[in-house]
N, C-alpha and C. Protein backbone atom coordinates (compact mmCIF):
# COMPACT_ATOMS: atom_id res chain seq x y z
N GLN A 1 2.74 21.28 -12.84
CA GLN A 1 1.60 20.20 -13.25
C GLN A 1 2.83 19.74 -14.07
N VAL A 2 1.72 17.99 -14.22
CA VAL A 2 2.82 16.95 -14.24
C VAL A 2 2.24 16.60 -15.57
N GLN A 3 3.10 15.98 -16.66
CA GLN A 3 3.05 15.84 -18.03
C GLN A 3 3.75 14.34 -18.41
N LEU A 4 2.84 13.37 -18.77
CA LEU A 4 3.17 12.22 -19.21
C LEU A 4 3.13 11.97 -20.47
N VAL A 5 4.03 11.44 -20.96
CA VAL A 5 4.42 11.13 -22.43
C VAL A 5 4.66 9.68 -22.83
N GLU A 6 3.72 9.48 -23.55
CA GLU A 6 3.73 7.71 -23.56
C GLU A 6 4.44 7.71 -25.54
N SER A 7 5.38 6.23 -25.52
CA SER A 7 5.67 5.83 -26.51
C SER A 7 5.94 4.37 -26.93
N GLY A 8 6.12 4.10 -28.32
CA GLY A 8 6.38 2.51 -28.48
C GLY A 8 5.22 1.70 -28.85
N GLY A 9 4.03 2.30 -29.05
CA GLY A 9 2.60 1.87 -29.42
C GLY A 9 2.89 1.52 -31.40
N GLY A 10 2.22 1.04 -31.77
CA GLY A 10 2.60 0.75 -33.17
C GLY A 10 1.74 -0.73 -33.77
N LEU A 11 1.78 -1.38 -34.92
CA LEU A 11 1.38 -2.42 -35.25
C LEU A 11 1.99 -3.74 -35.37
N VAL A 12 1.40 -4.73 -35.06
CA VAL A 12 2.19 -5.90 -34.66
C VAL A 12 1.67 -7.06 -34.67
N GLN A 13 2.10 -8.30 -35.22
CA GLN A 13 0.89 -9.34 -35.48
C GLN A 13 0.84 -10.35 -34.40
N ALA A 14 -0.22 -11.19 -34.08
CA ALA A 14 -0.36 -11.82 -33.06
C ALA A 14 0.41 -12.85 -33.06
N GLY A 15 1.00 -13.17 -31.52
CA GLY A 15 1.99 -13.31 -30.99
C GLY A 15 3.58 -12.71 -30.85
N GLY A 16 3.36 -11.46 -31.49
CA GLY A 16 4.48 -10.24 -30.99
C GLY A 16 4.10 -9.63 -29.90
N SER A 17 5.41 -8.69 -29.73
CA SER A 17 5.58 -8.29 -28.78
C SER A 17 5.82 -6.30 -28.88
N LEU A 18 5.86 -5.71 -27.81
CA LEU A 18 5.43 -4.54 -28.13
C LEU A 18 6.20 -3.99 -26.36
N ARG A 19 6.68 -2.85 -26.56
CA ARG A 19 7.32 -2.42 -25.17
C ARG A 19 6.79 -0.88 -24.89
N LEU A 20 6.09 -0.68 -24.27
CA LEU A 20 5.33 0.73 -24.27
C LEU A 20 6.14 1.59 -23.22
N SER A 21 6.75 2.69 -23.31
CA SER A 21 7.19 4.04 -22.45
C SER A 21 6.46 5.04 -21.95
N CYS A 22 6.42 5.13 -20.75
CA CYS A 22 5.76 6.85 -20.22
C CYS A 22 6.44 6.94 -18.83
N ALA A 23 7.04 8.14 -19.73
CA ALA A 23 8.07 9.46 -18.68
C ALA A 23 7.30 10.62 -18.28
N ALA A 24 7.34 10.69 -16.85
CA ALA A 24 6.61 11.75 -16.22
C ALA A 24 7.22 12.62 -16.43
N SER A 25 6.76 14.35 -16.21
CA SER A 25 7.84 15.41 -15.97
C SER A 25 6.99 16.46 -15.65
N GLY A 26 7.43 17.07 -14.37
CA GLY A 26 6.87 18.23 -13.41
C GLY A 26 7.40 17.97 -12.30
N SER A 27 6.17 18.54 -11.42
CA SER A 27 6.14 18.27 -9.75
C SER A 27 5.87 17.13 -9.54
N ILE A 28 6.45 16.34 -9.46
CA ILE A 28 5.92 14.65 -8.96
C ILE A 28 6.32 13.74 -7.68
N PHE A 29 4.88 13.41 -6.48
CA PHE A 29 5.90 13.17 -5.58
C PHE A 29 6.04 11.86 -5.32
N ARG A 30 7.17 11.72 -4.84
CA ARG A 30 7.73 10.41 -5.12
C ARG A 30 7.15 9.58 -4.76
N VAL A 31 6.02 8.85 -3.87
CA VAL A 31 5.55 8.00 -3.78
C VAL A 31 4.27 8.19 -4.41
N ASN A 32 4.24 7.29 -5.09
CA ASN A 32 3.30 7.62 -6.16
C ASN A 32 2.91 5.99 -6.81
N THR A 33 1.69 6.14 -8.29
CA THR A 33 1.47 4.65 -8.46
C THR A 33 1.47 5.20 -9.54
N MET A 34 2.30 4.29 -10.95
CA MET A 34 2.05 4.45 -12.05
C MET A 34 1.87 3.49 -12.92
N GLY A 35 0.57 3.62 -13.86
CA GLY A 35 0.36 2.31 -14.50
C GLY A 35 -0.52 2.51 -15.98
N TRP A 36 -0.44 1.06 -16.68
CA TRP A 36 -1.41 1.54 -17.86
C TRP A 36 -2.69 1.16 -18.06
N TYR A 37 -3.44 2.01 -18.57
CA TYR A 37 -4.92 1.60 -19.18
C TYR A 37 -5.13 1.11 -20.27
N ARG A 38 -6.55 0.84 -20.72
CA ARG A 38 -6.63 0.76 -21.99
C ARG A 38 -7.95 0.89 -22.90
N GLN A 39 -8.23 1.37 -23.59
CA GLN A 39 -9.29 1.27 -24.13
C GLN A 39 -10.12 0.92 -25.43
N ALA A 40 -10.58 -0.17 -26.00
CA ALA A 40 -10.93 -0.39 -27.16
C ALA A 40 -12.24 -0.06 -27.52
N PRO A 41 -12.22 0.17 -29.04
CA PRO A 41 -13.05 1.08 -29.79
C PRO A 41 -14.62 0.31 -29.13
N GLY A 42 -15.24 0.88 -28.36
CA GLY A 42 -16.74 0.64 -28.06
C GLY A 42 -16.56 0.00 -26.79
N LYS A 43 -15.85 0.17 -25.94
CA LYS A 43 -15.62 -0.66 -24.72
C LYS A 43 -15.42 0.60 -23.62
N GLN A 44 -15.23 0.44 -22.26
CA GLN A 44 -14.49 1.04 -21.23
C GLN A 44 -12.98 1.17 -21.23
N ARG A 45 -12.59 2.15 -20.42
CA ARG A 45 -11.31 2.05 -20.14
C ARG A 45 -10.72 1.18 -18.99
N GLU A 46 -9.71 0.32 -19.23
CA GLU A 46 -9.94 -0.43 -18.04
C GLU A 46 -8.19 -0.42 -18.11
N LEU A 47 -8.38 -1.10 -16.52
CA LEU A 47 -6.85 -0.76 -15.97
C LEU A 47 -6.25 -2.56 -16.28
N VAL A 48 -4.64 -2.38 -17.12
CA VAL A 48 -4.15 -3.11 -17.67
C VAL A 48 -2.92 -3.68 -16.21
N ALA A 49 -2.21 -2.59 -15.87
CA ALA A 49 -1.28 -2.95 -14.98
C ALA A 49 -0.92 -1.97 -14.75
N ALA A 50 -0.54 -1.76 -13.03
CA ALA A 50 0.06 -1.18 -12.47
C ALA A 50 1.34 -1.47 -11.42
N ILE A 51 1.65 -0.36 -11.13
CA ILE A 51 3.22 -0.54 -10.41
C ILE A 51 3.94 0.57 -9.47
N THR A 52 3.68 0.53 -7.99
CA THR A 52 3.78 1.19 -6.95
C THR A 52 5.37 1.77 -6.97
N SER A 53 5.03 3.20 -6.21
CA SER A 53 6.97 3.16 -6.26
C SER A 53 7.64 2.79 -5.85
N GLY A 54 7.10 1.89 -4.90
CA GLY A 54 8.05 0.70 -3.63
C GLY A 54 7.97 -0.39 -4.66
N GLY A 55 7.39 -1.00 -5.66
CA GLY A 55 7.85 -2.31 -6.83
C GLY A 55 6.70 -2.77 -6.29
N SER A 56 4.98 -2.31 -5.86
CA SER A 56 4.21 -3.75 -6.03
C SER A 56 3.72 -3.36 -7.55
N THR A 57 3.11 -4.30 -7.61
CA THR A 57 2.45 -4.72 -9.08
C THR A 57 1.02 -5.30 -9.23
N ASN A 58 0.23 -5.04 -9.94
CA ASN A 58 -1.36 -5.33 -9.85
C ASN A 58 -1.41 -5.72 -11.33
N TYR A 59 -2.02 -6.53 -12.02
CA TYR A 59 -1.95 -6.82 -13.01
C TYR A 59 -3.72 -7.54 -13.48
N ALA A 60 -4.42 -6.94 -14.65
CA ALA A 60 -5.37 -7.13 -14.91
C ALA A 60 -5.32 -8.88 -15.55
N ASP A 61 -6.51 -9.86 -14.99
CA ASP A 61 -6.39 -11.54 -15.36
C ASP A 61 -6.03 -11.32 -17.04
N SER A 62 -6.45 -10.84 -17.71
CA SER A 62 -6.48 -10.74 -19.02
C SER A 62 -5.04 -10.65 -19.21
N VAL A 63 -4.32 -10.54 -18.75
CA VAL A 63 -2.68 -9.86 -19.20
C VAL A 63 -1.81 -10.84 -18.36
N LYS A 64 -2.27 -11.40 -17.33
CA LYS A 64 -0.94 -12.24 -16.75
C LYS A 64 -0.54 -13.21 -17.40
N GLY A 65 0.74 -12.65 -16.80
CA GLY A 65 2.02 -14.12 -17.69
C GLY A 65 2.08 -13.48 -19.49
N ARG A 66 1.50 -12.43 -19.53
CA ARG A 66 2.06 -11.93 -21.19
C ARG A 66 2.57 -10.74 -20.55
N PHE A 67 2.16 -9.88 -20.24
CA PHE A 67 2.82 -8.64 -19.81
C PHE A 67 3.48 -8.49 -18.62
N THR A 68 4.59 -7.41 -18.50
CA THR A 68 4.95 -6.73 -17.75
C THR A 68 5.14 -5.60 -17.11
N VAL A 69 5.02 -5.27 -15.94
CA VAL A 69 4.83 -3.25 -16.00
C VAL A 69 6.57 -3.45 -14.98
N SER A 70 7.01 -2.43 -15.07
CA SER A 70 7.95 -2.38 -14.39
C SER A 70 8.24 -0.33 -14.25
N ARG A 71 9.28 0.08 -13.84
CA ARG A 71 9.33 1.54 -13.65
C ARG A 71 11.10 1.85 -13.25
N ASP A 72 11.19 3.42 -13.47
CA ASP A 72 13.04 3.47 -13.42
C ASP A 72 12.18 4.81 -12.33
N ASN A 73 12.82 4.72 -11.59
CA ASN A 73 12.24 5.59 -10.12
C ASN A 73 13.17 7.25 -10.27
N ALA A 74 14.38 6.85 -10.73
CA ALA A 74 15.59 7.99 -11.16
C ALA A 74 14.36 9.06 -12.34
N LYS A 75 13.88 8.15 -13.14
CA LYS A 75 13.37 8.70 -14.53
C LYS A 75 12.22 8.95 -14.54
N ASN A 76 11.47 8.60 -13.32
CA ASN A 76 10.04 8.81 -13.50
C ASN A 76 9.66 7.93 -14.82
N THR A 77 9.96 6.80 -15.05
CA THR A 77 9.39 6.21 -16.20
C THR A 77 8.65 5.34 -16.12
N VAL A 78 7.58 4.76 -16.29
CA VAL A 78 6.81 3.32 -15.94
C VAL A 78 7.03 3.05 -17.82
N TYR A 79 7.22 1.24 -17.60
CA TYR A 79 7.27 0.82 -18.41
C TYR A 79 6.06 -0.53 -18.70
N LEU A 80 5.86 -0.99 -20.25
CA LEU A 80 5.18 -1.98 -20.26
C LEU A 80 5.26 -3.12 -21.30
N GLN A 81 6.29 -3.65 -20.72
CA GLN A 81 6.47 -5.20 -22.01
C GLN A 81 5.66 -6.00 -22.25
N MET A 82 5.20 -6.33 -23.25
CA MET A 82 3.91 -7.04 -24.00
C MET A 82 4.49 -7.85 -24.71
N ASN A 83 4.19 -9.27 -24.46
CA ASN A 83 4.68 -10.59 -25.28
C ASN A 83 3.29 -11.36 -25.34
N SER A 84 3.35 -12.13 -26.48
CA SER A 84 1.87 -13.02 -26.88
C SER A 84 1.27 -12.13 -27.19
N LEU A 85 1.18 -11.02 -27.96
CA LEU A 85 -0.12 -10.39 -27.46
C LEU A 85 -1.34 -10.72 -29.17
N LYS A 86 -2.58 -10.85 -28.55
CA LYS A 86 -3.51 -10.59 -29.37
C LYS A 86 -4.64 -10.10 -29.80
N PRO A 87 -5.40 -10.32 -30.74
CA PRO A 87 -5.99 -8.87 -31.58
C PRO A 87 -6.81 -8.72 -30.61
N GLU A 88 -7.43 -9.34 -29.54
CA GLU A 88 -8.04 -8.13 -28.32
C GLU A 88 -7.64 -7.62 -27.59
N ASP A 89 -6.16 -7.69 -27.69
CA ASP A 89 -4.85 -6.29 -27.37
C ASP A 89 -5.00 -5.07 -27.73
N THR A 90 -5.95 -5.19 -28.85
CA THR A 90 -5.82 -3.80 -29.77
C THR A 90 -6.94 -2.91 -28.71
N ALA A 91 -6.25 -1.95 -28.51
CA ALA A 91 -7.23 -0.65 -27.98
C ALA A 91 -5.63 0.64 -27.51
N VAL A 92 -6.76 1.82 -27.72
CA VAL A 92 -5.43 3.14 -27.16
C VAL A 92 -5.05 2.85 -25.88
N TYR A 93 -3.47 2.52 -25.61
CA TYR A 93 -2.90 2.43 -23.62
C TYR A 93 -2.67 3.76 -23.48
N TYR A 94 -3.46 4.38 -22.58
CA TYR A 94 -3.12 5.58 -21.87
C TYR A 94 -1.69 5.08 -20.42
N CYS A 95 -1.07 5.97 -20.41
CA CYS A 95 -0.39 6.23 -19.05
C CYS A 95 -1.16 6.66 -17.71
N ASN A 96 -1.11 6.24 -16.73
CA ASN A 96 -1.80 7.08 -15.75
C ASN A 96 -0.82 7.12 -14.23
N LEU A 97 -1.23 8.43 -13.63
CA LEU A 97 -0.08 8.54 -12.75
C LEU A 97 -1.08 9.34 -11.55
N ARG A 98 -0.81 8.20 -10.31
CA ARG A 98 -1.51 8.62 -8.86
C ARG A 98 -0.87 9.02 -7.94
N VAL A 99 -1.24 10.34 -7.54
CA VAL A 99 -0.60 10.83 -5.68
C VAL A 99 -1.39 11.04 -5.26
N VAL A 100 -1.86 10.74 -3.98
CA VAL A 100 -2.76 10.41 -3.11
C VAL A 100 -3.82 10.54 -3.91
N ASN A 101 -4.57 11.99 -3.96
CA ASN A 101 -5.65 12.08 -4.36
C ASN A 101 -5.96 12.60 -5.86
N LEU A 102 -4.86 13.00 -6.18
CA LEU A 102 -4.66 13.49 -7.49
C LEU A 102 -4.43 12.49 -8.87
N GLU A 103 -5.00 12.49 -9.81
CA GLU A 103 -4.69 11.43 -11.07
C GLU A 103 -4.09 12.53 -12.63
N TYR A 104 -2.96 11.87 -13.26
CA TYR A 104 -2.94 12.39 -13.90
C TYR A 104 -3.11 11.24 -15.19
N TRP A 105 -3.20 11.72 -16.22
CA TRP A 105 -3.43 11.18 -17.85
C TRP A 105 -2.27 11.52 -19.22
N GLY A 106 -1.68 10.46 -19.61
CA GLY A 106 -1.37 10.45 -20.88
C GLY A 106 -2.04 10.75 -22.27
N LYS A 107 -1.55 11.39 -23.16
CA LYS A 107 -2.61 11.47 -24.38
C LYS A 107 -3.12 10.03 -24.89
N GLY A 108 -2.09 8.99 -25.20
CA GLY A 108 -2.19 7.45 -25.36
C GLY A 108 -1.48 7.10 -25.85
N THR A 109 -1.35 6.12 -26.91
CA THR A 109 -0.90 5.81 -27.92
C THR A 109 -1.33 4.42 -27.97
N LEU A 110 -1.27 4.35 -29.53
CA LEU A 110 -2.41 3.09 -30.46
C LEU A 110 -1.31 1.54 -30.06
N VAL A 111 -2.24 0.56 -29.86
CA VAL A 111 -1.57 -0.69 -30.00
C VAL A 111 -2.45 -2.01 -31.25
N THR A 112 -2.26 -2.02 -32.04
CA THR A 112 -3.05 -2.64 -33.44
C THR A 112 -1.94 -3.80 -33.52
N VAL A 113 -2.94 -5.27 -32.66
CA VAL A 113 -2.67 -6.72 -33.58
C VAL A 113 -3.64 -7.07 -34.27
N SER A 114 -2.70 -7.62 -35.26
CA SER A 114 -3.22 -8.30 -36.24
C SER A 114 -3.52 -9.53 -36.40
N SER A 115 -4.32 -10.14 -36.97
CA SER A 115 -4.38 -11.83 -36.63
C SER A 115 -3.88 -12.45 -38.21
């Protein structure tokens, strides 16, 4: 069984920065994609950023140039550095791990950006 544990959420003022971390444990196939999704109140969950085990990245247009996703394969950990945060970035951020046709989710961490 795979477990994902997020950390690093919190309250920050607009223009500030936060760094999220997600550590995966369990039986993890080394070829996988890890990433971050978010869900704001009343909205659908959306992809924020993802990174493959080979280092290829994908970002939502709304965060390009502000957020950076990275990973440490030895630690099975993915990070999300969030800079120039905006109130519209307020959401619960979920860690995601995809291996072939299997998908795992963390419990989420709340990010609140005040104006």
